[in-house]
C-alpha atoms as a PDB file:
ATOM      1  CA  UNK A   1      11.877   9.583 -24.753  1.00  0.00           C
ATOM      2  CA  UNK A   2      12.029   6.305 -22.829  1.00  0.00           C
ATOM      3  CA  UNK A   3       8.602   4.496 -22.149  1.00  0.00           C
ATOM      4  CA  UNK A   4       7.307   4.953 -18.842  1.00  0.00           C
ATOM      5  CA  UNK A   5       7.709   2.139 -16.330  1.00  0.00           C
ATOM      6  CA  UNK A   6       5.215  -0.506 -16.025  1.00  0.00           C
ATOM      7  CA  UNK A   7       3.109  -0.463 -12.791  1.00  0.00           C
ATOM      8  CA  UNK A   8       4.184  -2.615 -10.256  1.00  0.00           C
ATOM      9  CA  UNK A   9       2.436  -5.749 -10.144  1.00  0.00           C
ATOM     10  CA  UNK A  10       0.851  -6.077  -6.561  1.00  0.00           C
ATOM     11  CA  UNK A  11      -0.532  -9.340  -4.911  1.00  0.00           C
ATOM     12  CA  UNK A  12      -2.050  -8.985  -1.680  1.00  0.00           C
ATOM     13  CA  UNK A  13      -1.700 -11.387   1.236  1.00  0.00           C
ATOM     14  CA  UNK A  14      -4.169 -14.156   1.836  1.00  0.00           C
ATOM     15  CA  UNK A  15      -5.174 -16.135   4.575  1.00  0.00           C
ATOM     16  CA  UNK A  16      -8.015 -18.354   2.546  1.00  0.00           C
ATOM     17  CA  UNK A  17      -5.385 -20.732   0.983  1.00  0.00           C
ATOM     18  CA  UNK A  18      -7.039 -24.111   2.362  1.00  0.00           C
ATOM     19  CA  UNK A  19      -3.500 -25.634   2.933  1.00  0.00           C
ATOM     20  CA  UNK A  20      -2.720 -23.124   5.878  1.00  0.00           C
ATOM     21  CA  UNK A  21      -5.444 -24.321   8.085  1.00  0.00           C
ATOM     22  CA  UNK A  22      -6.057 -21.129  10.203  1.00  0.00           C
ATOM     23  CA  UNK A  23      -8.362 -22.558  12.956  1.00  0.00           C
ATOM     24  CA  UNK A  24     -11.410 -20.163  13.625  1.00  0.00           C
ATOM     25  CA  UNK A  25     -11.150 -18.400  16.651  1.00  0.00           C
ATOM     26  CA  UNK A  26     -13.044 -19.962  19.967  1.00  0.00           C
ATOM     27  CA  UNK A  27     -16.119 -17.993  21.070  1.00  0.00           C
ATOM     28  CA  UNK A  28     -15.407 -17.120  24.693  1.00  0.00           C
ATOM     29  CA  UNK A  29     -18.106 -18.560  27.060  1.00  0.00           C
ATOM     30  CA  UNK A  30     -19.014 -15.797  28.860  1.00  0.00           C
ATOM     31  CA  UNK A  31     -19.657 -14.011  25.305  1.00  0.00           C
ATOM     32  CA  UNK A  32     -21.933 -17.096  24.680  1.00  0.00           C
ATOM     33  CA  UNK A  33     -23.476 -16.772  27.975  1.00  0.00           C
ATOM     34  CA  UNK A  34     -24.206 -12.956  27.447  1.00  0.00           C
ATOM     35  CA  UNK A  35     -25.037 -13.286  23.793  1.00  0.00           C
ATOM     36  CA  UNK A  36     -22.382 -11.244  22.425  1.00  0.00           C
ATOM     37  CA  UNK A  37     -21.646 -11.405  18.930  1.00  0.00           C
ATOM     38  CA  UNK A  38     -20.575  -9.365  15.913  1.00  0.00           C
ATOM     39  CA  UNK A  39     -17.827  -8.578  13.153  1.00  0.00           C
ATOM     40  CA  UNK A  40     -14.545  -7.502  14.118  1.00  0.00           C
ATOM     41  CA  UNK A  41     -11.795  -6.445  11.226  1.00  0.00           C
ATOM     42  CA  UNK A  42      -8.491  -6.672  11.954  1.00  0.00           C
ATOM     43  CA  UNK A  43      -5.787  -5.094  10.013  1.00  0.00           C
ATOM     44  CA  UNK A  44      -2.942  -7.255  10.216  1.00  0.00           C
ATOM     45  CA  UNK A  45       0.508  -6.629   8.853  1.00  0.00           C
ATOM     46  CA  UNK A  46       1.971  -9.794   7.363  1.00  0.00           C
ATOM     47  CA  UNK A  47       5.758 -10.312   6.830  1.00  0.00           C
ATOM     48  CA  UNK A  48       7.627 -11.545   3.782  1.00  0.00           C
ATOM     49  CA  UNK A  49       7.456 -15.031   5.786  1.00  0.00           C
ATOM     50  CA  UNK A  50       3.598 -15.175   5.940  1.00  0.00           C
ATOM     51  CA  UNK A  51       3.675 -14.698   9.557  1.00  0.00           C
ATOM     52  CA  UNK A  52       1.838 -12.033  11.695  1.00  0.00           C
ATOM     53  CA  UNK A  53       3.821  -9.055  12.674  1.00  0.00           C
ATOM     54  CA  UNK A  54       1.093  -7.001  14.014  1.00  0.00           C
ATOM     55  CA  UNK A  55      -2.514  -7.000  14.373  1.00  0.00           C
ATOM     56  CA  UNK A  56      -4.740  -4.181  15.161  1.00  0.00           C
ATOM     57  CA  UNK A  57      -8.711  -3.559  15.280  1.00  0.00           C
ATOM     58  CA  UNK A  58      -9.807  -1.813  12.367  1.00  0.00           C
ATOM     59  CA  UNK A  59     -13.520  -1.963  13.238  1.00  0.00           C
ATOM     60  CA  UNK A  60     -14.829  -3.284  16.851  1.00  0.00           C
ATOM     61  CA  UNK A  61     -17.400  -5.705  17.074  1.00  0.00           C
ATOM     62  CA  UNK A  62     -18.368  -3.341  19.819  1.00  0.00           C
ATOM     63  CA  UNK A  63     -17.233  -6.330  22.394  1.00  0.00           C
ATOM     64  CA  UNK A  64     -13.567  -6.395  23.627  1.00  0.00           C
ATOM     65  CA  UNK A  65     -13.361 -10.144  24.583  1.00  0.00           C
ATOM     66  CA  UNK A  66     -14.393 -10.917  20.870  1.00  0.00           C
ATOM     67  CA  UNK A  67     -12.025  -8.303  19.732  1.00  0.00           C
ATOM     68  CA  UNK A  68      -9.165  -9.704  21.706  1.00  0.00           C
ATOM     69  CA  UNK A  69     -10.159 -13.303  21.197  1.00  0.00           C
ATOM     70  CA  UNK A  70      -9.490 -12.178  17.446  1.00  0.00           C
ATOM     71  CA  UNK A  71      -6.444 -11.078  17.808  1.00  0.00           C
ATOM     72  CA  UNK A  72      -5.165 -13.648  19.662  1.00  0.00           C
ATOM     73  CA  UNK A  73      -6.071 -16.467  17.016  1.00  0.00           C
ATOM     74  CA  UNK A  74      -4.869 -14.306  14.030  1.00  0.00           C
ATOM     75  CA  UNK A  75      -1.403 -13.849  15.491  1.00  0.00           C
ATOM     76  CA  UNK A  76      -1.306 -17.666  15.102  1.00  0.00           C
ATOM     77  CA  UNK A  77      -2.468 -17.729  11.944  1.00  0.00           C
ATOM     78  CA  UNK A  78      -0.394 -18.127   8.882  1.00  0.00           C
ATOM     79  CA  UNK A  79      -0.786 -16.487   5.325  1.00  0.00           C
ATOM     80  CA  UNK A  80       0.445 -16.254   1.572  1.00  0.00           C
ATOM     81  CA  UNK A  81       2.584 -13.232   1.717  1.00  0.00           C
ATOM     82  CA  UNK A  82       2.111 -10.270  -0.222  1.00  0.00           C
ATOM     83  CA  UNK A  83       4.424  -9.729  -3.468  1.00  0.00           C
ATOM     84  CA  UNK A  84       5.364  -6.665  -5.281  1.00  0.00           C
ATOM     85  CA  UNK A  85       6.365  -7.743  -8.979  1.00  0.00           C
ATOM     86  CA  UNK A  86       6.715 -11.123  -7.728  1.00  0.00           C
ATOM     87  CA  UNK A  87       8.853 -10.689  -4.877  1.00  0.00           C
ATOM     88  CA  UNK A  88       7.252 -11.103  -1.237  1.00  0.00           C
ATOM     89  CA  UNK A  89       6.929  -7.984   0.730  1.00  0.00           C
ATOM     90  CA  UNK A  90       5.660  -7.176   3.946  1.00  0.00           C
ATOM     91  CA  UNK A  91       1.807  -5.702   3.740  1.00  0.00           C
ATOM     92  CA  UNK A  92      -1.014  -4.660   5.672  1.00  0.00           C
ATOM     93  CA  UNK A  93      -4.197  -6.464   4.737  1.00  0.00           C
ATOM     94  CA  UNK A  94      -7.696  -6.963   6.596  1.00  0.00           C
ATOM     95  CA  UNK A  95      -8.935  -9.662   8.031  1.00  0.00           C
ATOM     96  CA  UNK A  96     -13.059 -10.011   8.893  1.00  0.00           C
ATOM     97  CA  UNK A  97     -13.727 -12.359  11.756  1.00  0.00           C
ATOM     98  CA  UNK A  98     -17.596 -12.922  12.547  1.00  0.00           C
ATOM     99  CA  UNK A  99     -18.893 -14.296  15.879  1.00  0.00           C
ATOM    100  CA  UNK A 100     -22.244 -15.506  15.272  1.00  0.00           C
ATOM    101  CA  UNK A 101     -24.350 -17.801  18.180  1.00  0.00           C
ATOM    102  CA  UNK A 102     -25.982 -21.071  16.664  1.00  0.00           C
END
């Protein structure tokens, strides 16, 4: 019998390559004044071109303002696209964003 096919080699998308220069989201001034901070986890659909196609809140910071700020920033980011067997493919990826008051 023929050998079973090799499992697909999957490389997940990435946003942490230094050359992508993805800026951190700005901290909303009113959130700073109100002491709002937290971690937002976004679920991002990254296209084969490395551009975000869809950004959803996977886990809220507890503050809509921070969640929206993170979503708006990540929509402008660039990613290294995910690949299946070396071929770029649209994939979902989780992106954590921390809002911490200094």
